[in-house]
């Protein structure tokens, strides 16, 4: 009926059966961007957020979220993650916090959703941590940067390896 792997022949949503696939090393990286005023970005950089040090809390929230992806995304497979991390970069002048999450597993399906969930929740945590200073903060982008393992590797054009 469709090229969408999560639709059955009857058009109903279903979990994809990955039982016949061979386990392999899987890796994915994703990015979220959080836009704010330079003043708020400076507070994040200096660790002077109204709720405390922002980026450490955001990193932990992202790691925790990646581990919960199978419970949050209805048709995602629960995966035994071998690694998750979230790194942050701040451009104070541009008022930008960039969060890059990486997830890895050895399994039968990829970890794209885990990496994207990690950076999404990390970005929402940044928002939560600074909303007392600035309400106009925007989570403006969540994208997959690259994935490897499985049928084929993929990388967003222009992204460093």
N, C-alpha and C. Protein backbone atom coordinates (compact mmCIF):
# COMPACT_ATOMS: atom_id res chain seq x y z
N UNK A 1 0.80 -1.20 0.00
CA UNK A 1 0.00 0.00 0.00
C UNK A 1 0.85 1.26 0.00
N UNK A 2 2.02 1.20 0.66
CA UNK A 2 2.81 2.41 0.83
C UNK A 2 4.28 2.05 0.96
N UNK A 3 5.14 3.01 0.67
CA UNK A 3 6.57 2.83 0.91
C UNK A 3 6.93 3.12 2.36
N UNK A 4 5.98 3.57 3.15
CA UNK A 4 6.22 3.86 4.55
C UNK A 4 6.29 2.54 5.32
N UNK A 5 7.41 2.29 5.97
CA UNK A 5 7.63 1.00 6.62
C UNK A 5 6.72 0.76 7.81
N UNK A 6 6.16 1.81 8.40
CA UNK A 6 5.31 1.65 9.57
C UNK A 6 3.82 1.51 9.22
N UNK A 7 3.51 1.33 7.94
CA UNK A 7 2.12 1.09 7.54
C UNK A 7 2.00 -0.33 7.02
N UNK A 8 1.02 -1.07 7.53
CA UNK A 8 0.76 -2.41 7.04
C UNK A 8 -0.03 -2.36 5.74
N UNK A 9 -0.26 -3.51 5.16
CA UNK A 9 -1.02 -3.60 3.91
C UNK A 9 -2.43 -3.03 4.06
N UNK A 10 -2.94 -3.06 5.29
CA UNK A 10 -4.29 -2.54 5.54
C UNK A 10 -4.30 -1.04 5.84
N UNK A 11 -3.11 -0.40 5.79
CA UNK A 11 -3.03 1.04 6.04
C UNK A 11 -2.91 1.41 7.51
N UNK A 12 -2.91 0.43 8.39
CA UNK A 12 -2.81 0.69 9.82
C UNK A 12 -1.34 0.81 10.24
N UNK A 13 -1.10 1.67 11.22
CA UNK A 13 0.25 1.82 11.77
C UNK A 13 0.65 0.52 12.46
N UNK A 14 1.93 0.16 12.32
CA UNK A 14 2.44 -1.05 12.94
C UNK A 14 3.91 -0.88 13.25
N UNK A 15 4.39 -1.66 14.19
CA UNK A 15 5.82 -1.69 14.46
C UNK A 15 6.48 -2.56 13.40
N UNK A 16 7.61 -2.12 12.89
CA UNK A 16 8.34 -2.87 11.87
C UNK A 16 8.98 -4.10 12.53
N UNK A 17 8.89 -5.25 11.87
CA UNK A 17 9.53 -6.47 12.36
C UNK A 17 10.99 -6.46 11.92
N UNK A 18 11.90 -6.31 12.87
CA UNK A 18 13.32 -6.29 12.56
C UNK A 18 14.00 -7.61 12.95
N UNK A 19 13.20 -8.61 13.33
CA UNK A 19 13.74 -9.88 13.81
C UNK A 19 14.64 -10.60 12.82
N UNK A 20 14.43 -10.41 11.54
CA UNK A 20 15.24 -11.10 10.54
C UNK A 20 16.54 -10.38 10.18
N UNK A 21 16.72 -9.18 10.72
CA UNK A 21 17.95 -8.43 10.42
C UNK A 21 19.09 -8.91 11.31
N UNK A 22 20.30 -8.82 10.80
CA UNK A 22 21.47 -9.13 11.60
C UNK A 22 21.85 -7.92 12.44
N UNK A 23 22.20 -8.13 13.69
CA UNK A 23 22.67 -7.00 14.50
C UNK A 23 23.95 -6.40 13.91
N UNK A 24 24.05 -5.09 13.99
CA UNK A 24 25.26 -4.40 13.55
C UNK A 24 25.42 -3.14 14.39
N UNK A 25 26.61 -2.57 14.32
CA UNK A 25 26.85 -1.32 15.03
C UNK A 25 26.05 -0.22 14.36
N UNK A 26 25.34 0.56 15.16
CA UNK A 26 24.51 1.65 14.67
C UNK A 26 24.92 2.92 15.41
N UNK A 27 24.93 4.03 14.69
CA UNK A 27 25.30 5.32 15.27
C UNK A 27 24.48 6.40 14.61
N UNK A 28 24.06 7.40 15.39
CA UNK A 28 23.35 8.54 14.81
C UNK A 28 23.73 9.80 15.60
N UNK A 29 23.74 10.90 14.88
CA UNK A 29 23.97 12.22 15.49
C UNK A 29 22.85 13.14 15.03
N UNK A 30 22.35 13.95 15.96
CA UNK A 30 21.29 14.91 15.67
C UNK A 30 21.63 16.22 16.34
N UNK A 31 20.94 17.29 15.88
CA UNK A 31 21.21 18.62 16.42
C UNK A 31 19.91 19.35 16.71
N UNK A 32 19.92 20.10 17.79
CA UNK A 32 18.84 21.03 18.10
C UNK A 32 19.46 22.40 18.32
N UNK A 33 18.75 23.42 17.88
CA UNK A 33 19.21 24.80 18.08
C UNK A 33 18.17 25.55 18.91
N UNK A 34 18.67 26.31 19.88
CA UNK A 34 17.81 27.10 20.76
C UNK A 34 18.25 28.55 20.63
N UNK A 35 17.32 29.41 20.19
CA UNK A 35 17.60 30.83 19.95
C UNK A 35 17.10 31.65 21.12
N UNK A 36 17.93 32.60 21.56
CA UNK A 36 17.61 33.47 22.69
C UNK A 36 18.38 34.78 22.52
N UNK A 37 18.18 35.70 23.42
CA UNK A 37 18.92 36.95 23.36
C UNK A 37 20.38 36.70 23.73
N UNK A 38 21.29 37.56 23.25
CA UNK A 38 22.69 37.43 23.66
C UNK A 38 22.87 37.50 25.18
N UNK A 39 22.05 38.30 25.85
CA UNK A 39 22.15 38.40 27.31
C UNK A 39 21.83 37.06 27.97
N UNK A 40 20.79 36.40 27.52
CA UNK A 40 20.43 35.11 28.08
C UNK A 40 21.49 34.07 27.74
N UNK A 41 22.00 34.10 26.51
CA UNK A 41 23.06 33.16 26.11
C UNK A 41 24.30 33.36 26.97
N UNK A 42 24.61 34.60 27.31
CA UNK A 42 25.76 34.87 28.18
C UNK A 42 25.54 34.28 29.57
N UNK A 43 24.30 34.33 30.07
CA UNK A 43 23.99 33.73 31.37
C UNK A 43 24.14 32.21 31.31
N UNK A 44 23.72 31.61 30.20
CA UNK A 44 23.89 30.16 30.03
C UNK A 44 25.38 29.82 30.01
N UNK A 45 26.14 30.59 29.26
CA UNK A 45 27.58 30.33 29.14
C UNK A 45 28.29 30.44 30.49
N UNK A 46 27.90 31.41 31.30
CA UNK A 46 28.57 31.63 32.57
C UNK A 46 28.04 30.73 33.69
N UNK A 47 26.97 29.98 33.40
CA UNK A 47 26.39 29.11 34.42
C UNK A 47 25.51 29.84 35.41
N UNK A 48 25.03 31.04 35.02
CA UNK A 48 24.23 31.88 35.92
C UNK A 48 22.75 31.88 35.57
N UNK A 49 22.22 30.76 35.14
CA UNK A 49 20.79 30.70 34.85
C UNK A 49 19.99 30.80 36.14
N UNK A 50 18.72 31.19 36.03
CA UNK A 50 17.89 31.35 37.23
C UNK A 50 17.67 30.04 37.99
N UNK A 51 17.79 28.92 37.30
CA UNK A 51 17.62 27.61 37.95
C UNK A 51 18.97 26.91 38.14
N UNK A 52 20.06 27.64 37.89
CA UNK A 52 21.39 27.05 38.06
C UNK A 52 22.08 26.80 36.73
N UNK A 53 23.07 25.94 36.76
CA UNK A 53 23.90 25.64 35.59
C UNK A 53 23.07 24.89 34.55
N UNK A 54 22.85 25.52 33.41
CA UNK A 54 21.90 25.05 32.40
C UNK A 54 22.39 23.83 31.63
N UNK A 55 23.59 23.90 31.10
CA UNK A 55 24.03 22.89 30.14
C UNK A 55 24.24 21.51 30.76
N UNK A 56 24.70 21.44 31.99
CA UNK A 56 24.86 20.15 32.65
C UNK A 56 23.52 19.46 32.84
N UNK A 57 22.52 20.21 33.24
CA UNK A 57 21.18 19.65 33.41
C UNK A 57 20.62 19.22 32.05
N UNK A 58 20.83 20.04 31.03
CA UNK A 58 20.33 19.71 29.69
C UNK A 58 20.99 18.45 29.15
N UNK A 59 22.29 18.30 29.36
CA UNK A 59 22.98 17.09 28.91
C UNK A 59 22.38 15.85 29.56
N UNK A 60 22.20 15.90 30.88
CA UNK A 60 21.64 14.74 31.58
C UNK A 60 20.21 14.45 31.14
N UNK A 61 19.43 15.50 30.93
CA UNK A 61 18.06 15.30 30.45
C UNK A 61 18.06 14.63 29.08
N UNK A 62 18.97 15.03 28.21
CA UNK A 62 19.07 14.41 26.89
C UNK A 62 19.45 12.95 26.96
N UNK A 63 20.41 12.62 27.80
CA UNK A 63 20.82 11.22 27.95
C UNK A 63 19.66 10.40 28.49
N UNK A 64 18.99 10.91 29.50
CA UNK A 64 17.84 10.20 30.08
C UNK A 64 16.73 10.01 29.04
N UNK A 65 16.49 11.03 28.25
CA UNK A 65 15.43 10.94 27.23
C UNK A 65 15.76 9.89 26.18
N UNK A 66 17.02 9.83 25.75
CA UNK A 66 17.40 8.83 24.74
C UNK A 66 17.09 7.44 25.25
N UNK A 67 17.32 7.19 26.53
CA UNK A 67 17.06 5.87 27.11
C UNK A 67 15.57 5.57 27.19
N UNK A 68 14.72 6.58 27.08
CA UNK A 68 13.27 6.40 27.18
C UNK A 68 12.56 6.47 25.83
N UNK A 69 13.30 6.56 24.74
CA UNK A 69 12.70 6.78 23.42
C UNK A 69 11.64 5.73 23.09
N UNK A 70 11.92 4.47 23.36
CA UNK A 70 10.95 3.41 23.05
C UNK A 70 9.63 3.57 23.79
N UNK A 71 9.65 4.24 24.94
CA UNK A 71 8.42 4.50 25.69
C UNK A 71 7.71 5.76 25.21
N UNK A 72 8.45 6.67 24.59
CA UNK A 72 7.89 7.96 24.17
C UNK A 72 7.36 7.95 22.74
N UNK A 73 8.03 7.23 21.86
CA UNK A 73 7.65 7.19 20.44
C UNK A 73 6.96 5.84 20.22
N UNK A 74 5.66 5.83 19.95
CA UNK A 74 4.88 4.59 19.99
C UNK A 74 5.43 3.42 19.17
N UNK A 75 5.97 3.65 17.99
CA UNK A 75 6.41 2.53 17.16
C UNK A 75 7.92 2.35 17.14
N UNK A 76 8.63 3.08 18.00
CA UNK A 76 10.08 2.91 18.10
C UNK A 76 10.38 1.66 18.93
N UNK A 77 11.41 0.93 18.52
CA UNK A 77 11.83 -0.25 19.27
C UNK A 77 12.63 0.19 20.49
N UNK A 78 12.42 -0.42 21.63
CA UNK A 78 13.30 -0.14 22.77
C UNK A 78 14.68 -0.74 22.47
N UNK A 79 15.72 0.05 22.63
CA UNK A 79 17.06 -0.38 22.25
C UNK A 79 18.01 -0.38 23.44
N UNK A 80 18.92 -1.36 23.47
CA UNK A 80 19.97 -1.34 24.48
C UNK A 80 21.09 -0.41 24.00
N UNK A 81 21.08 0.81 24.46
CA UNK A 81 22.06 1.79 24.01
C UNK A 81 23.43 1.48 24.61
N UNK A 82 24.46 1.61 23.79
CA UNK A 82 25.83 1.42 24.27
C UNK A 82 26.49 2.75 24.58
N UNK A 83 25.93 3.85 24.07
CA UNK A 83 26.50 5.17 24.32
C UNK A 83 25.48 6.24 23.97
N UNK A 84 25.41 7.26 24.79
CA UNK A 84 24.63 8.47 24.49
C UNK A 84 25.39 9.64 25.09
N UNK A 85 25.48 10.72 24.34
CA UNK A 85 26.06 11.94 24.88
C UNK A 85 25.42 13.13 24.18
N UNK A 86 25.42 14.25 24.86
CA UNK A 86 24.94 15.51 24.31
C UNK A 86 26.01 16.56 24.57
N UNK A 87 26.45 17.20 23.50
CA UNK A 87 27.42 18.28 23.61
C UNK A 87 26.73 19.59 23.29
N UNK A 88 27.23 20.67 23.89
CA UNK A 88 26.62 21.99 23.68
C UNK A 88 27.68 22.97 23.22
N UNK A 89 27.24 23.87 22.36
CA UNK A 89 28.07 24.99 21.90
C UNK A 89 27.23 26.24 22.02
N UNK A 90 27.84 27.31 22.52
CA UNK A 90 27.11 28.57 22.70
C UNK A 90 27.77 29.64 21.85
N UNK A 91 26.98 30.34 21.06
CA UNK A 91 27.41 31.54 20.34
C UNK A 91 26.66 32.69 21.00
N UNK A 92 27.34 33.35 21.94
CA UNK A 92 26.69 34.39 22.73
C UNK A 92 26.19 35.53 21.85
N UNK A 93 27.02 36.01 20.94
CA UNK A 93 26.63 37.14 20.08
C UNK A 93 25.39 36.83 19.26
N UNK A 94 25.29 35.61 18.76
CA UNK A 94 24.13 35.21 17.96
C UNK A 94 22.95 34.79 18.83
N UNK A 95 23.18 34.62 20.13
CA UNK A 95 22.11 34.16 21.02
C UNK A 95 21.69 32.74 20.68
N UNK A 96 22.66 31.87 20.46
CA UNK A 96 22.36 30.52 19.99
C UNK A 96 23.04 29.48 20.87
N UNK A 97 22.24 28.51 21.31
CA UNK A 97 22.77 27.32 21.96
C UNK A 97 22.51 26.17 21.01
N UNK A 98 23.57 25.47 20.64
CA UNK A 98 23.46 24.34 19.73
C UNK A 98 23.78 23.07 20.52
N UNK A 99 22.89 22.10 20.45
CA UNK A 99 23.04 20.84 21.16
C UNK A 99 23.17 19.72 20.14
N UNK A 100 24.22 18.93 20.25
CA UNK A 100 24.43 17.81 19.34
C UNK A 100 24.45 16.53 20.17
N UNK A 101 23.55 15.63 19.83
CA UNK A 101 23.45 14.36 20.53
C UNK A 101 23.95 13.24 19.65
N UNK A 102 24.62 12.29 20.28
CA UNK A 102 25.06 11.09 19.59
C UNK A 102 24.54 9.88 20.36
N UNK A 103 24.05 8.90 19.64
CA UNK A 103 23.58 7.65 20.24
C UNK A 103 24.18 6.49 19.46
N UNK A 104 24.50 5.41 20.20
CA UNK A 104 25.05 4.21 19.57
C UNK A 104 24.42 2.97 20.19
N UNK A 105 24.36 1.93 19.38
CA UNK A 105 23.91 0.62 19.83
C UNK A 105 24.50 -0.44 18.92
N UNK A 106 24.41 -1.67 19.34
CA UNK A 106 24.62 -2.82 18.46
C UNK A 106 23.25 -3.50 18.42
N UNK A 107 22.61 -3.41 17.27
CA UNK A 107 21.25 -3.93 17.20
C UNK A 107 20.77 -4.14 15.79
N UNK A 108 19.46 -4.34 15.68
CA UNK A 108 18.83 -4.64 14.39
C UNK A 108 18.13 -3.43 13.78
N UNK A 109 18.14 -2.32 14.48
CA UNK A 109 17.51 -1.10 13.97
C UNK A 109 18.32 0.09 14.44
N UNK A 110 18.15 1.22 13.75
CA UNK A 110 18.98 2.38 14.00
C UNK A 110 18.61 3.17 15.23
N UNK A 111 19.45 4.14 15.55
CA UNK A 111 19.30 4.96 16.74
C UNK A 111 19.02 6.42 16.40
N UNK A 112 18.45 6.67 15.22
CA UNK A 112 18.14 8.04 14.84
C UNK A 112 17.15 8.68 15.81
N UNK A 113 16.11 7.95 16.18
CA UNK A 113 15.10 8.52 17.08
C UNK A 113 15.69 8.80 18.46
N UNK A 114 16.61 7.97 18.91
CA UNK A 114 17.24 8.20 20.20
C UNK A 114 18.09 9.46 20.18
N UNK A 115 18.85 9.67 19.12
CA UNK A 115 19.67 10.88 19.02
C UNK A 115 18.78 12.13 18.91
N UNK A 116 17.72 12.04 18.12
CA UNK A 116 16.83 13.20 17.96
C UNK A 116 16.06 13.48 19.25
N UNK A 117 15.63 12.43 19.94
CA UNK A 117 14.93 12.62 21.22
C UNK A 117 15.86 13.25 22.24
N UNK A 118 17.11 12.81 22.27
CA UNK A 118 18.08 13.37 23.21
C UNK A 118 18.27 14.86 23.00
N UNK A 119 18.47 15.28 21.75
CA UNK A 119 18.71 16.71 21.54
C UNK A 119 17.42 17.52 21.70
N UNK A 120 16.27 16.94 21.37
CA UNK A 120 15.01 17.66 21.56
C UNK A 120 14.75 17.93 23.04
N UNK A 121 14.92 16.91 23.88
CA UNK A 121 14.67 17.09 25.31
C UNK A 121 15.75 17.97 25.93
N UNK A 122 16.98 17.87 25.47
CA UNK A 122 18.02 18.78 25.96
C UNK A 122 17.65 20.22 25.63
N UNK A 123 17.15 20.46 24.41
CA UNK A 123 16.74 21.81 24.02
C UNK A 123 15.57 22.31 24.85
N UNK A 124 14.59 21.45 25.10
CA UNK A 124 13.46 21.85 25.94
C UNK A 124 13.92 22.13 27.37
N UNK A 125 14.93 21.43 27.82
CA UNK A 125 15.47 21.67 29.16
C UNK A 125 16.16 23.02 29.21
N UNK A 126 16.90 23.38 28.16
CA UNK A 126 17.50 24.72 28.11
C UNK A 126 16.39 25.75 28.22
N UNK A 127 15.32 25.57 27.45
CA UNK A 127 14.19 26.50 27.52
C UNK A 127 13.67 26.60 28.95
N UNK A 128 13.41 25.46 29.57
CA UNK A 128 12.87 25.45 30.93
C UNK A 128 13.80 26.15 31.91
N UNK A 129 15.09 25.97 31.72
CA UNK A 129 16.07 26.53 32.66
C UNK A 129 16.20 28.04 32.53
N UNK A 130 15.86 28.61 31.36
CA UNK A 130 16.04 30.06 31.17
C UNK A 130 14.74 30.84 31.02
N UNK A 131 13.60 30.16 31.05
CA UNK A 131 12.34 30.86 30.82
C UNK A 131 12.06 31.93 31.86
N UNK A 132 12.66 31.84 33.04
CA UNK A 132 12.49 32.87 34.05
C UNK A 132 13.18 34.17 33.70
N UNK A 133 14.13 34.11 32.79
CA UNK A 133 14.86 35.29 32.32
C UNK A 133 14.24 35.82 31.03
N UNK A 134 13.84 34.89 30.15
CA UNK A 134 13.36 35.29 28.83
C UNK A 134 12.30 34.30 28.34
N UNK A 135 11.12 34.79 28.07
CA UNK A 135 10.03 33.94 27.58
C UNK A 135 10.07 33.74 26.07
N UNK A 136 10.80 34.57 25.35
CA UNK A 136 10.81 34.50 23.89
C UNK A 136 11.79 33.51 23.31
N UNK A 137 12.35 32.64 24.12
CA UNK A 137 13.30 31.65 23.64
C UNK A 137 12.60 30.70 22.66
N UNK A 138 13.31 30.32 21.60
CA UNK A 138 12.73 29.43 20.58
C UNK A 138 13.59 28.21 20.36
N UNK A 139 12.96 27.05 20.38
CA UNK A 139 13.61 25.84 19.88
C UNK A 139 13.30 25.86 18.40
N UNK A 140 14.33 26.13 17.59
CA UNK A 140 14.04 26.42 16.18
C UNK A 140 14.40 25.30 15.21
N UNK A 141 15.11 24.30 15.67
CA UNK A 141 15.48 23.26 14.70
C UNK A 141 15.89 21.99 15.42
N UNK A 142 15.38 20.87 14.96
CA UNK A 142 15.84 19.56 15.39
C UNK A 142 16.02 18.75 14.11
N UNK A 143 17.25 18.33 13.84
CA UNK A 143 17.54 17.62 12.59
C UNK A 143 18.49 16.46 12.83
N UNK A 144 18.34 15.43 12.01
CA UNK A 144 19.30 14.35 11.96
C UNK A 144 20.50 14.83 11.17
N UNK A 145 21.70 14.67 11.72
CA UNK A 145 22.92 15.07 11.04
C UNK A 145 23.53 13.92 10.25
N UNK A 146 23.52 12.74 10.85
CA UNK A 146 24.08 11.57 10.17
C UNK A 146 23.67 10.30 10.88
N UNK A 147 23.74 9.21 10.14
CA UNK A 147 23.51 7.90 10.71
C UNK A 147 24.39 6.91 9.98
N UNK A 148 24.85 5.91 10.71
CA UNK A 148 25.65 4.85 10.09
C UNK A 148 25.21 3.51 10.66
N UNK A 149 25.47 2.47 9.87
CA UNK A 149 25.03 1.13 10.21
C UNK A 149 23.73 0.83 9.51
N UNK A 150 23.41 -0.43 9.45
CA UNK A 150 22.18 -0.81 8.75
C UNK A 150 22.37 -0.86 7.26
N UNK A 151 21.30 -0.66 6.53
CA UNK A 151 21.30 -0.80 5.08
C UNK A 151 22.22 0.20 4.39
N UNK A 152 22.20 1.45 4.84
CA UNK A 152 23.07 2.45 4.21
C UNK A 152 23.34 3.59 5.20
N UNK A 153 24.52 4.17 5.04
CA UNK A 153 24.88 5.34 5.83
C UNK A 153 24.28 6.58 5.19
N UNK A 154 24.14 7.63 5.99
CA UNK A 154 23.57 8.88 5.48
C UNK A 154 24.19 10.04 6.25
N UNK A 155 24.43 11.15 5.54
CA UNK A 155 24.93 12.36 6.17
C UNK A 155 24.28 13.56 5.52
N UNK A 156 23.83 14.51 6.36
CA UNK A 156 23.26 15.76 5.87
C UNK A 156 24.37 16.52 5.15
N UNK A 157 24.07 17.02 3.97
CA UNK A 157 25.07 17.77 3.19
C UNK A 157 25.66 18.91 3.99
N UNK A 158 26.96 19.06 3.91
CA UNK A 158 27.65 20.17 4.57
C UNK A 158 28.03 19.93 6.01
N UNK A 159 27.69 18.77 6.56
CA UNK A 159 28.01 18.49 7.96
C UNK A 159 29.37 17.81 8.06
N UNK A 160 30.17 18.20 9.04
CA UNK A 160 31.45 17.54 9.23
C UNK A 160 31.24 16.13 9.76
N UNK A 161 32.18 15.23 9.49
CA UNK A 161 32.08 13.85 9.95
C UNK A 161 32.50 13.74 11.34
